[in-house]
Amino acid sequence: MAFVSSAFIFLTWCAVCFAADQELELPPVEFKPVKSLPADIPTCSENDLNINDCIKQAFQKLTPRMKYGISELNIPPMDPFELGKSSYNYNSGLLQGRIAMRNVVVHGLSDGIVDKVDFRLRNGSVRLDVVSHVPHMYVEGNYKADIKLNNLNLTPKGSFNVTLTDVRMRARPTGELYERDGHTYLRLTKIETEPRVGDMRINASGLVPDPALNDVILDFINQYWRQLYQAMLPETLAAWQPLMLKSANDFFGALPFDLILTNSVEDIGKMHCTMEKCWLLALMATLAIAAPANKYFTAKDVPKCAEDDDLVGECIKNIINAMTPRLKDGNPELKQLPYEPFVLNRTTFQYSNGPVNGRITVRNAKIHGFANNKVKDVDLKVDGDKIKVRLVSFLPKINIVGSYKADMQVNSLHLKPKGDFNLTLSDVETTTVTEGEIYKKDGLRFLRLTDIDTNPKIRDLTIKANGIFADPELDEIANTVANQYWRDIYGIMLPETRQYWQPLMLRMLNDALEYVPIDQFIKESD
């Protein structure tokens, strides 16, 4: 939700930068109620530990689409963005008087970039801090003015164009959630903005009748544009923010908050995890979605294992191996998600040790092979309400395809690669040790994990990637080196990422286990 908020606020600000004060007329927009989202509109989960990065990436995906408008979200075409008419007064500093503008067209908004996002949601209160910029903007239109510039009285009329570079804004909207018609909506209560311009160049006709003097005045304006801008900014801030607040609330009043910022175990397909371990989360998530007629998952056709039986581990192993292929395609009636292939919308790894330092983000990854997972060994120990499980699983082959973007330092070499990749892992054996406790709810027993330790081992790995270097031949060399020394690279990367994916695995498994009574599979000892 926050990325749409930042998009709307950012674009509204860009509009009022050139049309802000008492008499402002923006293009009319009919805010029709939004019932559902188009399939290509990105969403984020409020449970995502990296939600800020998700919002940032989602905004970048959405911004180019705004060029032609998104009618389903009540967003008009934004590049070029056509403003209505506006007039505003100034009465301080170098500039005094009144300027009216008409037929203003703004170019460049679709190239907007979000640099930083900080989203907070707590007890129904929403706070967003977003820093964004547009590299280059071009504004053109007609104007009429009655102004005093220092000691010079002017009544100009004509056309103008303004070129702005590195236009930056920090916006800090705050708001609150409320319920309406079975949905959650966002109402903004305050917006603070801090716009900055790197450079500006102004051209205008009709400042004075004499063309030569017109050029002299333009030279003066362009030489001292920053002082003029600083003089104009305080006068317009008071008008910008109420306008932005009203426009944003009209927008969000038609768009349910819960459509694009979700909070559901169904979002498990968007989670972050390491590639070798996702099958376990995928299986648990599939088991976790309750059927419409039941509050919790039921599986009447699987055997129950006695927790005090010497062969309880073998029994649990057989259940998992039987359920894995059955659930690979999901079940729409039970709202079960497929996991073959398993889709990762986005996952990010950071490294800060050894020869590799930096950040790699993987997007739109599809993982094939989880349906062939086999559990080799299960060791279950129960001591009262305490439980410990050691599970060894084996995957003969995993194939992962997707896109990546990185900013990393490999020894003394600084790389910013971006492209597609194809990764094949052979004979993946994973040992997972978990500890937890049994608790009761609704007369049933459930398991809550308190600790997890996962150790994957890979016999072989082959990677193909493009975009590492601009030169295809260098790409081939890099691929050859990576495939030759993959084990060394993997040995460096695994410990570095463990601090990110193990807590996430623990949380995601516990979210899933809330829907799976262990009485379905394990009989309580007498």
Protein backbone atom coordinates (compact mmCIF):
# COMPACT_ATOMS: atom_id res chain seq x y z
CA MET A 1 0.00 0.00 0.00
CA ALA A 2 2.78 2.40 0.88
CA PHE A 3 4.33 2.32 -2.56
CA VAL A 4 1.05 3.51 -4.08
CA SER A 5 0.93 6.16 -1.36
CA SER A 6 4.41 7.35 -2.19
CA ALA A 7 3.63 7.31 -5.90
CA PHE A 8 0.51 9.41 -5.53
CA ILE A 9 2.13 11.88 -3.14
CA PHE A 10 5.22 12.20 -5.32
CA LEU A 11 3.26 12.84 -8.50
CA THR A 12 0.85 15.23 -6.81
CA TRP A 13 3.83 17.20 -5.49
CA CYS A 14 5.39 17.38 -8.93
CA ALA A 15 2.13 18.81 -10.21
CA VAL A 16 1.72 21.47 -7.53
CA CYS A 17 5.36 22.51 -7.79
CA PHE A 18 4.20 24.56 -10.76
CA ALA A 19 0.62 25.32 -9.71
CA ALA A 20 0.30 26.00 -6.03
CA ASP A 21 -1.63 28.57 -4.11
CA GLN A 22 -5.07 29.99 -3.56
CA GLU A 23 -6.44 29.42 -7.07
CA LEU A 24 -5.33 25.99 -8.22
CA GLU A 25 -7.17 23.83 -10.70
CA LEU A 26 -5.85 20.33 -11.31
CA PRO A 27 -7.25 18.06 -14.03
CA PRO A 28 -10.50 16.51 -12.76
CA VAL A 29 -10.26 12.85 -11.73
CA GLU A 30 -13.29 10.70 -11.03
CA PHE A 31 -12.33 8.40 -8.17
CA LYS A 32 -14.27 5.22 -8.86
CA PRO A 33 -14.32 2.54 -6.11
CA VAL A 34 -11.65 -0.11 -6.66
CA LYS A 35 -12.98 -3.64 -6.10
CA SER A 36 -9.95 -5.65 -7.20
CA LEU A 37 -6.44 -5.11 -8.51
CA PRO A 38 -5.19 -5.89 -12.02
CA ALA A 39 -2.95 -8.95 -12.07
CA ASP A 40 0.18 -6.92 -12.85
CA ILE A 41 -0.15 -4.48 -9.95
CA PRO A 42 2.52 -5.39 -7.36
CA THR A 43 1.62 -5.92 -3.72
CA CYS A 44 3.56 -6.24 -0.47
CA SER A 45 2.92 -8.11 2.76
CA GLU A 46 3.07 -6.24 6.05
CA ASN A 47 4.71 -9.38 7.50
CA ASP A 48 7.67 -9.05 5.13
CA LEU A 49 10.83 -8.34 7.14
CA ASN A 50 12.13 -6.44 4.10
CA ILE A 51 8.89 -4.57 3.47
CA ASN A 52 10.71 -1.30 2.81
CA ASP A 53 12.64 -2.87 -0.04
CA CYS A 54 9.45 -4.49 -1.34
CA ILE A 55 7.68 -1.11 -1.37
CA LYS A 56 10.63 0.50 -3.12
CA GLN A 57 10.84 -2.19 -5.80
CA ALA A 58 7.07 -2.23 -6.27
CA PHE A 59 7.05 1.53 -6.78
CA GLN A 60 9.75 1.24 -9.43
CA LYS A 61 7.70 -1.40 -11.22
CA LEU A 62 4.58 0.77 -11.06
CA THR A 63 6.14 4.11 -12.07
CA PRO A 64 6.66 3.40 -15.82
CA ARG A 65 3.04 2.24 -16.08
CA MET A 66 1.89 5.62 -14.79
CA LYS A 67 3.15 7.21 -17.99
CA TYR A 68 -0.04 6.10 -19.73
CA GLY A 69 -2.19 6.08 -16.60
CA ILE A 70 -3.72 3.22 -14.64
CA SER A 71 -7.45 3.67 -14.99
CA GLU A 72 -8.17 0.73 -12.70
CA LEU A 73 -6.52 2.69 -9.85
CA ASN A 74 -7.89 6.13 -10.84
CA ILE A 75 -4.43 7.30 -11.92
CA PRO A 76 -4.48 9.55 -15.01
CA PRO A 77 -1.64 9.62 -17.58
CA MET A 78 1.42 11.12 -15.91
CA ASP A 79 3.93 11.66 -18.71
CA PRO A 80 3.27 14.17 -20.03
CA PHE A 81 1.13 15.39 -17.15
CA GLU A 82 -1.29 18.13 -18.14
CA LEU A 83 -2.11 20.66 -15.46
CA GLY A 84 -5.08 22.95 -15.44
CA LYS A 85 -4.72 26.59 -14.51
CA SER A 86 -3.18 28.09 -11.41
CA SER A 87 -2.29 31.41 -9.88
CA TYR A 88 -0.34 32.27 -6.79
CA ASN A 89 0.81 35.30 -4.84
CA TYR A 90 4.21 36.13 -3.38
CA ASN A 91 4.96 38.90 -0.93
CA SER A 92 8.43 38.37 0.45
CA GLY A 93 12.08 38.33 -0.52
CA LEU A 94 13.16 39.16 -4.06
CA LEU A 95 9.80 38.40 -5.63
CA GLN A 96 6.47 40.09 -4.97
CA GLY A 97 3.22 39.97 -6.91
CA ARG A 98 1.04 37.47 -8.73
CA ILE A 99 1.73 34.86 -11.40
CA ALA A 100 -0.95 32.93 -13.33
CA MET A 101 -0.22 29.84 -15.43
CA ARG A 102 -2.26 28.00 -18.06
CA ASN A 103 -1.83 24.94 -20.28
CA VAL A 104 1.12 23.69 -18.25
CA VAL A 105 2.55 20.33 -19.34
CA VAL A 106 5.11 18.42 -17.24
CA HIS A 107 7.43 15.85 -18.86
CA GLY A 108 9.64 13.30 -17.09
CA LEU A 109 7.53 12.08 -14.16
CA SER A 110 7.58 8.47 -15.39
CA ASP A 111 11.34 8.41 -14.78
CA GLY A 112 10.83 8.98 -11.05
CA ILE A 113 13.01 6.89 -8.74
CA VAL A 114 12.47 6.02 -5.08
CA ASP A 115 15.76 6.13 -3.19
CA LYS A 116 14.65 5.18 0.31
CA VAL A 117 11.49 4.00 2.08
CA ASP A 118 10.70 3.67 5.76
CA PHE A 119 7.21 2.28 6.35
CA ARG A 120 5.74 1.81 9.84
CA LEU A 121 2.38 0.27 10.75
CA ARG A 122 1.46 -0.04 14.40
CA ASN A 123 -1.91 -0.28 16.12
CA GLY A 124 -3.75 1.03 13.08
CA SER A 125 -1.43 4.02 12.63
CA VAL A 126 0.56 4.37 9.41
CA ARG A 127 3.75 6.38 8.97
CA LEU A 128 5.77 6.62 5.79
CA ASP A 129 9.06 8.37 5.09
CA VAL A 130 10.03 8.24 1.43
CA VAL A 131 12.90 9.92 -0.41
CA SER A 132 12.49 10.07 -4.19
CA HIS A 133 13.83 11.96 -7.17
CA VAL A 134 13.27 12.66 -10.85
CA PRO A 135 16.55 12.94 -12.81
CA HIS A 136 15.19 15.34 -15.43
CA MET A 137 11.95 17.31 -15.80
CA TYR A 138 10.79 19.65 -18.52
CA VAL A 139 7.84 21.98 -17.93
CA GLU A 140 6.21 24.18 -20.56
CA GLY A 141 3.16 26.42 -20.69
CA ASN A 142 1.79 29.95 -20.82
CA TYR A 143 1.94 32.60 -18.12
CA LYS A 144 0.74 36.06 -17.16
CA ALA A 145 2.15 38.05 -14.25
CA ASP A 146 2.13 41.29 -12.34
CA ILE A 147 5.28 41.19 -10.23
CA LYS A 148 8.06 43.20 -8.70
CA LEU A 149 11.54 41.70 -9.01
CA ASN A 150 13.80 43.69 -6.68
CA ASN A 151 13.05 47.27 -7.88
CA LEU A 152 11.84 46.21 -11.32
CA ASN A 153 8.08 46.27 -12.01
CA LEU A 154 6.99 43.76 -14.65
CA THR A 155 3.65 42.84 -16.26
CA PRO A 156 4.83 40.09 -18.60
CA LYS A 157 2.77 37.68 -20.66
CA GLY A 158 3.94 34.86 -22.91
CA SER A 159 5.14 31.28 -23.00
CA PHE A 160 7.76 29.61 -20.83
CA ASN A 161 9.69 26.41 -20.33
CA VAL A 162 11.68 25.23 -17.33
CA THR A 163 14.30 22.48 -17.30
CA LEU A 164 14.97 20.94 -13.89
CA THR A 165 17.58 18.33 -13.03
CA ASP A 166 17.89 16.16 -9.94
CA VAL A 167 14.49 17.08 -8.49
CA ARG A 168 14.36 15.47 -5.04
CA MET A 169 11.65 15.22 -2.44
CA ARG A 170 11.32 13.80 1.02
CA ALA A 171 7.68 13.15 1.94
CA ARG A 172 6.47 12.12 5.39
CA PRO A 173 2.75 11.28 5.34
CA THR A 174 1.02 9.87 8.42
CA GLY A 175 -2.43 8.37 8.67
CA GLU A 176 -4.81 5.93 10.28
CA LEU A 177 -6.66 2.81 9.20
CA TYR A 178 -10.43 2.49 9.31
CA GLU A 179 -12.99 -0.12 8.29
CA ARG A 180 -15.66 0.37 5.64
CA ASP A 181 -17.82 -2.10 3.70
CA GLY A 182 -15.75 -5.06 4.84
CA HIS A 183 -12.41 -3.53 3.80
CA THR A 184 -9.62 -1.61 5.51
CA TYR A 185 -8.93 1.88 4.18
CA LEU A 186 -6.23 4.48 4.83
CA ARG A 187 -6.99 8.07 5.82
CA LEU A 188 -4.01 10.43 5.80
CA THR A 189 -3.97 13.00 8.59
CA LYS A 190 -0.79 14.89 7.73
CA ILE A 191 1.77 15.30 4.95
CA GLU A 192 5.14 16.99 5.32
CA THR A 193 7.28 17.58 2.23
CA GLU A 194 10.82 18.81 1.61
CA PRO A 195 11.39 19.46 -2.13
CA ARG A 196 14.86 20.23 -3.47
CA VAL A 197 16.10 21.03 -6.98
CA GLY A 198 19.64 20.31 -8.13
CA ASP A 199 19.62 22.75 -11.04
CA MET A 200 17.10 24.83 -12.99
CA ARG A 201 17.09 26.63 -16.32
CA ILE A 202 14.24 28.99 -17.27
CA ASN A 203 13.30 30.35 -20.69
CA ALA A 204 10.39 32.73 -21.26
CA SER A 205 9.09 35.09 -23.89
CA GLY A 206 7.29 38.36 -23.29
CA LEU A 207 8.98 39.38 -20.05
CA VAL A 208 9.50 42.80 -21.68
CA PRO A 209 8.83 44.00 -25.25
CA ASP A 210 12.53 44.38 -26.07
CA PRO A 211 14.00 40.92 -26.95
CA ALA A 212 17.51 41.98 -25.88
CA LEU A 213 16.29 43.13 -22.48
CA ASN A 214 14.22 39.95 -22.23
CA ASP A 215 17.47 37.96 -22.51
CA VAL A 216 19.14 40.12 -19.84
CA ILE A 217 16.29 39.43 -17.41
CA LEU A 218 16.44 35.70 -18.16
CA ASP A 219 20.19 35.71 -17.50
CA PHE A 220 19.51 37.37 -14.14
CA ILE A 221 16.78 34.85 -13.25
CA ASN A 222 18.93 31.87 -14.23
CA GLN A 223 21.90 33.26 -12.31
CA TYR A 224 19.88 33.75 -9.13
CA TRP A 225 17.24 31.03 -9.59
CA ARG A 226 18.12 29.38 -6.29
CA GLN A 227 17.47 32.56 -4.30
CA LEU A 228 14.18 33.05 -6.17
CA TYR A 229 13.20 29.43 -5.53
CA GLN A 230 13.94 29.76 -1.82
CA ALA A 231 11.85 32.92 -1.69
CA MET A 232 8.92 31.21 -3.43
CA LEU A 233 9.04 27.93 -1.49
CA PRO A 234 7.79 29.12 1.94
CA GLU A 235 4.93 31.00 0.27
CA THR A 236 3.67 27.85 -1.46
CA LEU A 237 4.28 25.18 1.19
CA ALA A 238 1.16 26.15 3.10
CA ALA A 239 -0.89 25.63 -0.07
CA TRP A 240 0.81 22.43 -1.28
CA GLN A 241 0.24 20.28 1.73
CA PRO A 242 -3.55 20.73 2.20
CA LEU A 243 -3.99 20.13 -1.52
CA MET A 244 -1.88 16.99 -1.42
CA LEU A 245 -3.73 15.76 1.67
CA LYS A 246 -7.14 16.18 0.04
CA SER A 247 -6.07 14.62 -3.26
CA ALA A 248 -4.41 11.68 -1.51
CA ASN A 249 -7.46 11.01 0.67
CA ASP A 250 -9.77 11.13 -2.36
CA PHE A 251 -7.46 8.57 -3.96
CA PHE A 252 -7.23 6.27 -0.94
CA GLY A 253 -10.91 6.61 -0.17
CA ALA A 254 -11.56 4.65 -3.37
CA LEU A 255 -8.78 2.09 -2.95
CA PRO A 256 -8.93 -0.45 -0.08
CA PHE A 257 -5.70 -0.60 1.90
CA ASP A 258 -5.97 -4.38 2.30
CA LEU A 259 -5.88 -5.01 -1.45
CA ILE A 260 -2.26 -3.97 -1.85
CA LEU A 261 -0.77 -4.34 1.62
CA THR A 262 -1.74 -7.82 2.64
CA ASN A 263 -1.46 -9.77 5.88
CA SER A 264 -2.12 -13.43 5.14
CA VAL A 265 -0.41 -16.79 5.09
CA GLU A 266 -1.45 -16.86 1.45
CA ASP A 267 1.39 -14.41 0.80
CA ILE A 268 3.93 -17.12 1.47
CA GLY A 269 4.72 -17.17 -2.24
CA LYS A 270 6.29 -13.74 -1.78
CA MET A 271 8.55 -14.71 1.12
CA HIS A 272 12.33 -14.56 1.25
CA CYS A 273 14.23 -17.80 1.88
CA THR A 274 17.28 -19.66 0.73
CA MET A 275 16.78 -21.77 -2.36
CA GLU A 276 17.54 -25.17 -0.82
CA LYS A 277 15.10 -24.77 2.06
CA CYS A 278 12.03 -23.34 0.40
CA TRP A 279 10.46 -26.76 -0.18
CA LEU A 280 9.87 -27.12 3.57
CA LEU A 281 8.17 -23.74 3.82
CA ALA A 282 6.19 -24.43 0.66
CA LEU A 283 4.92 -27.72 2.04
CA MET A 284 4.07 -26.24 5.44
CA ALA A 285 2.28 -23.30 3.84
CA THR A 286 0.23 -25.65 1.68
CA LEU A 287 -0.71 -27.71 4.71
CA ALA A 288 -1.52 -24.58 6.68
CA ILE A 289 -4.42 -23.24 4.57
CA ALA A 290 -7.62 -24.47 6.15
CA ALA A 291 -10.55 -25.77 4.12
CA PRO A 292 -13.62 -23.51 4.09
CA ALA A 293 -15.60 -25.88 6.29
CA ASN A 294 -12.80 -26.31 8.86
CA LYS A 295 -10.92 -23.90 11.07
CA TYR A 296 -7.78 -26.04 10.90
CA PHE A 297 -6.19 -28.38 8.42
CA THR A 298 -7.44 -31.97 8.47
CA ALA A 299 -5.96 -35.05 6.81
CA LYS A 300 -8.08 -38.06 7.69
CA ASP A 301 -6.44 -40.41 5.18
CA VAL A 302 -2.94 -40.27 6.66
CA PRO A 303 -1.81 -42.51 9.51
CA LYS A 304 -1.17 -41.25 13.02
CA CYS A 305 2.18 -41.76 14.63
CA ALA A 306 2.57 -42.58 18.32
CA GLU A 307 5.06 -40.19 19.88
CA ASP A 308 6.36 -42.89 22.24
CA ASP A 309 6.85 -45.41 19.43
CA ASP A 310 10.45 -46.26 18.62
CA LEU A 311 9.57 -45.90 14.92
CA VAL A 312 7.81 -42.53 15.24
CA GLY A 313 10.50 -40.88 13.09
CA GLU A 314 9.98 -43.41 10.32
CA CYS A 315 6.21 -42.87 10.53
CA ILE A 316 6.54 -39.07 10.21
CA LYS A 317 8.97 -39.49 7.31
CA ASN A 318 6.44 -41.64 5.44
CA ILE A 319 3.68 -39.05 5.99
CA ILE A 320 5.80 -36.20 4.61
CA ASN A 321 6.94 -38.23 1.61
CA ALA A 322 3.34 -39.21 0.86
CA MET A 323 1.99 -35.66 1.16
CA THR A 324 4.72 -33.89 -0.84
CA PRO A 325 3.73 -35.01 -4.38
CA ARG A 326 0.00 -34.83 -3.55
CA LEU A 327 0.14 -31.14 -2.77
CA LYS A 328 2.50 -29.95 -5.51
CA ASP A 329 -0.30 -28.52 -7.69
CA GLY A 330 -2.21 -26.93 -4.82
CA ASN A 331 -5.97 -27.05 -4.37
CA PRO A 332 -8.04 -23.96 -5.24
CA GLU A 333 -11.05 -25.21 -3.26
CA LEU A 334 -8.90 -25.43 -0.15
CA LYS A 335 -6.97 -22.27 -1.11
CA GLN A 336 -3.78 -24.34 -1.20
CA LEU A 337 -0.93 -22.78 -3.16
CA PRO A 338 1.04 -24.80 -5.72
CA TYR A 339 4.75 -25.20 -5.12
CA GLU A 340 5.87 -26.83 -8.37
CA PRO A 341 7.26 -24.54 -9.59
CA PHE A 342 7.66 -22.51 -6.44
CA VAL A 343 7.62 -18.77 -7.15
CA LEU A 344 9.78 -16.25 -5.33
CA ASN A 345 8.79 -12.71 -6.25
CA ARG A 346 11.81 -11.21 -4.53
CA THR A 347 14.62 -12.18 -2.19
CA THR A 348 17.64 -10.17 -1.11
CA PHE A 349 21.01 -11.23 0.28
CA GLN A 350 23.69 -9.05 1.83
CA TYR A 351 27.35 -9.93 2.28
CA SER A 352 29.86 -8.03 4.38
CA ASN A 353 32.78 -10.34 4.96
CA GLY A 354 35.57 -12.04 3.05
CA PRO A 355 36.27 -11.34 -0.64
CA VAL A 356 32.58 -10.76 -1.48
CA ASN A 357 30.83 -7.68 -0.11
CA GLY A 358 27.57 -6.12 -1.19
CA ARG A 359 23.97 -6.90 -2.01
CA ILE A 360 22.20 -9.19 -4.47
CA THR A 361 18.46 -9.00 -5.18
CA VAL A 362 16.70 -11.84 -7.01
CA ARG A 363 13.30 -11.26 -8.60
CA ASN A 364 10.65 -13.32 -10.41
CA ALA A 365 12.43 -16.57 -9.60
CA LYS A 366 10.81 -19.92 -10.38
CA ILE A 367 12.14 -22.96 -8.55
CA HIS A 368 11.56 -26.38 -10.07
CA GLY A 369 12.15 -29.71 -8.33
CA PHE A 370 10.51 -29.49 -4.89
CA ALA A 371 7.95 -32.18 -5.80
CA ASN A 372 10.81 -34.70 -5.91
CA ASN A 373 11.92 -34.00 -2.36
CA LYS A 374 12.39 -37.08 -0.19
CA VAL A 375 12.83 -37.10 3.55
CA LYS A 376 15.59 -39.56 4.40
CA ASP A 377 15.48 -39.48 8.18
CA VAL A 378 13.39 -38.01 11.00
CA ASP A 379 14.35 -38.08 14.67
CA LEU A 380 11.64 -36.89 17.08
CA LYS A 381 12.16 -36.38 20.79
CA VAL A 382 9.32 -35.33 23.10
CA ASP A 383 9.87 -34.38 26.73
CA GLY A 384 6.61 -33.19 28.25
CA ASP A 385 5.64 -30.10 26.26
CA LYS A 386 9.12 -29.75 24.76
CA ILE A 387 9.88 -31.19 21.35
CA LYS A 388 13.00 -31.55 19.21
CA VAL A 389 13.07 -32.69 15.59
CA ARG A 390 16.01 -33.52 13.36
CA LEU A 391 15.06 -33.91 9.69
CA VAL A 392 17.30 -34.90 6.78
CA SER A 393 15.90 -34.37 3.29
CA PHE A 394 17.23 -34.95 -0.21
CA LEU A 395 16.50 -33.30 -3.56
CA PRO A 396 18.11 -34.85 -6.64
CA LYS A 397 17.88 -31.64 -8.66
CA ILE A 398 16.74 -28.03 -8.26
CA ASN A 399 16.54 -25.62 -11.18
CA ILE A 400 16.08 -21.91 -10.52
CA VAL A 401 15.51 -19.27 -13.20
CA GLY A 402 14.92 -15.57 -12.65
CA SER A 403 16.35 -12.06 -12.78
CA TYR A 404 18.94 -10.45 -10.56
CA LYS A 405 20.51 -7.11 -9.71
CA ALA A 406 23.61 -6.63 -7.59
CA ASP A 407 25.96 -4.04 -6.17
CA MET A 408 29.00 -5.87 -4.88
CA GLN A 409 32.73 -5.76 -4.33
CA VAL A 410 34.66 -8.91 -5.27
CA ASN A 411 38.14 -8.38 -3.85
CA SER A 412 39.12 -5.04 -5.47
CA LEU A 413 36.61 -5.30 -8.33
CA HIS A 414 33.41 -3.22 -8.00
CA LEU A 415 30.49 -4.71 -9.95
CA LYS A 416 26.91 -3.60 -10.57
CA PRO A 417 25.57 -6.45 -12.71
CA LYS A 418 21.96 -6.87 -13.78
CA GLY A 419 20.37 -9.58 -15.90
CA ASP A 420 18.90 -13.09 -15.97
CA PHE A 421 20.23 -16.25 -14.39
CA ASN A 422 19.75 -20.02 -14.52
CA LEU A 423 20.97 -22.04 -11.56
CA THR A 424 21.02 -25.85 -11.30
CA LEU A 425 21.80 -27.61 -8.01
CA SER A 426 22.40 -31.36 -7.90
CA ASP A 427 22.02 -33.75 -4.95
CA VAL A 428 20.94 -31.23 -2.32
CA GLU A 429 20.91 -32.74 1.17
CA THR A 430 19.56 -30.55 3.96
CA THR A 431 19.75 -31.25 7.69
CA THR A 432 17.30 -29.22 9.77
CA VAL A 433 17.21 -29.26 13.57
CA THR A 434 14.32 -27.53 15.29
CA GLU A 435 13.23 -27.13 18.88
CA GLY A 436 9.79 -26.12 20.06
CA GLU A 437 7.00 -26.46 22.56
CA ILE A 438 3.52 -27.94 22.47
CA TYR A 439 0.55 -25.79 23.46
CA LYS A 440 -3.22 -26.26 23.42
CA LYS A 441 -5.85 -24.19 21.64
CA ASP A 442 -9.51 -25.02 20.97
CA GLY A 443 -8.98 -28.40 22.61
CA LEU A 444 -6.22 -29.33 20.15
CA ARG A 445 -2.45 -29.53 20.43
CA PHE A 446 -0.21 -27.30 18.34
CA LEU A 447 3.53 -26.90 17.92
CA ARG A 448 5.39 -23.59 18.26
CA LEU A 449 9.04 -23.63 17.18
CA THR A 450 11.53 -21.70 19.31
CA ASP A 451 14.77 -22.39 17.43
CA ILE A 452 15.91 -23.68 14.05
CA ASP A 453 19.27 -24.58 12.54
CA THR A 454 19.58 -25.59 8.89
CA ASN A 455 22.65 -26.97 7.15
CA PRO A 456 22.38 -27.56 3.37
CA LYS A 457 24.99 -29.49 1.41
CA ILE A 458 25.25 -29.49 -2.39
CA ARG A 459 27.15 -32.00 -4.50
CA ASP A 460 27.30 -29.83 -7.61
CA LEU A 461 26.13 -26.43 -8.82
CA THR A 462 26.02 -24.90 -12.30
CA ILE A 463 25.20 -21.27 -12.95
CA LYS A 464 24.57 -19.30 -16.12
CA ALA A 465 24.05 -15.55 -15.96
CA ASN A 466 24.15 -12.61 -18.32
CA GLY A 467 24.69 -8.93 -17.61
CA ILE A 468 27.66 -9.43 -15.32
CA PHE A 469 29.73 -7.35 -17.71
CA ALA A 470 28.81 -5.35 -20.79
CA ASP A 471 31.13 -7.53 -22.90
CA PRO A 472 29.60 -11.01 -23.60
CA GLU A 473 33.06 -12.58 -23.67
CA LEU A 474 33.78 -11.26 -20.17
CA ASP A 475 30.39 -12.68 -19.14
CA GLU A 476 31.51 -16.13 -20.32
CA ILE A 477 34.77 -15.82 -18.40
CA ALA A 478 32.90 -14.78 -15.24
CA ASN A 479 30.53 -17.75 -15.61
CA THR A 480 33.46 -20.11 -16.06
CA VAL A 481 35.19 -18.79 -12.93
CA ALA A 482 31.96 -18.94 -10.90
CA ASN A 483 31.31 -22.54 -11.95
CA GLN A 484 34.90 -23.54 -11.27
CA TYR A 485 34.99 -22.00 -7.79
CA TRP A 486 31.30 -22.24 -6.86
CA ARG A 487 32.03 -24.23 -3.71
CA ASP A 488 34.33 -21.52 -2.33
CA ILE A 489 31.79 -18.81 -3.19
CA TYR A 490 28.94 -20.82 -1.66
CA GLY A 491 30.98 -21.42 1.50
CA ILE A 492 31.41 -17.65 1.90
CA MET A 493 27.82 -16.73 1.07
CA LEU A 494 25.99 -19.28 3.24
CA PRO A 495 27.19 -18.09 6.69
CA GLU A 496 26.71 -14.46 5.67
CA THR A 497 23.04 -14.97 4.82
CA ARG A 498 22.14 -17.30 7.68
CA GLN A 499 21.28 -14.38 9.98
CA TYR A 500 18.62 -13.27 7.47
CA TRP A 501 16.89 -16.48 6.41
CA GLN A 502 16.89 -18.55 9.62
CA PRO A 503 14.75 -16.11 11.69
CA LEU A 504 12.45 -15.74 8.69
CA MET A 505 12.11 -19.52 8.32
CA LEU A 506 11.27 -19.77 12.01
CA ARG A 507 8.56 -17.14 11.76
CA MET A 508 7.05 -18.52 8.55
CA LEU A 509 6.95 -22.06 9.91
CA ASN A 510 5.24 -20.87 13.08
CA ASP A 511 2.68 -18.96 11.02
CA ALA A 512 1.92 -22.17 9.15
CA LEU A 513 1.87 -24.39 12.24
CA GLU A 514 -0.87 -22.27 13.79
CA TYR A 515 -3.27 -23.98 11.35
CA VAL A 516 -1.98 -27.55 11.71
CA PRO A 517 -2.94 -29.45 14.89
CA ILE A 518 -0.27 -32.04 15.53
CA ASP A 519 -3.02 -34.40 16.70
CA GLN A 520 -3.66 -34.97 12.98
CA PHE A 521 -0.37 -36.84 12.77
CA ILE A 522 0.89 -37.67 16.27
CA LYS A 523 -0.99 -39.54 18.96
CA GLU A 524 -0.36 -38.31 22.47
CA SER A 525 1.34 -40.86 24.67
CA ASP A 526 -0.63 -42.30 27.57
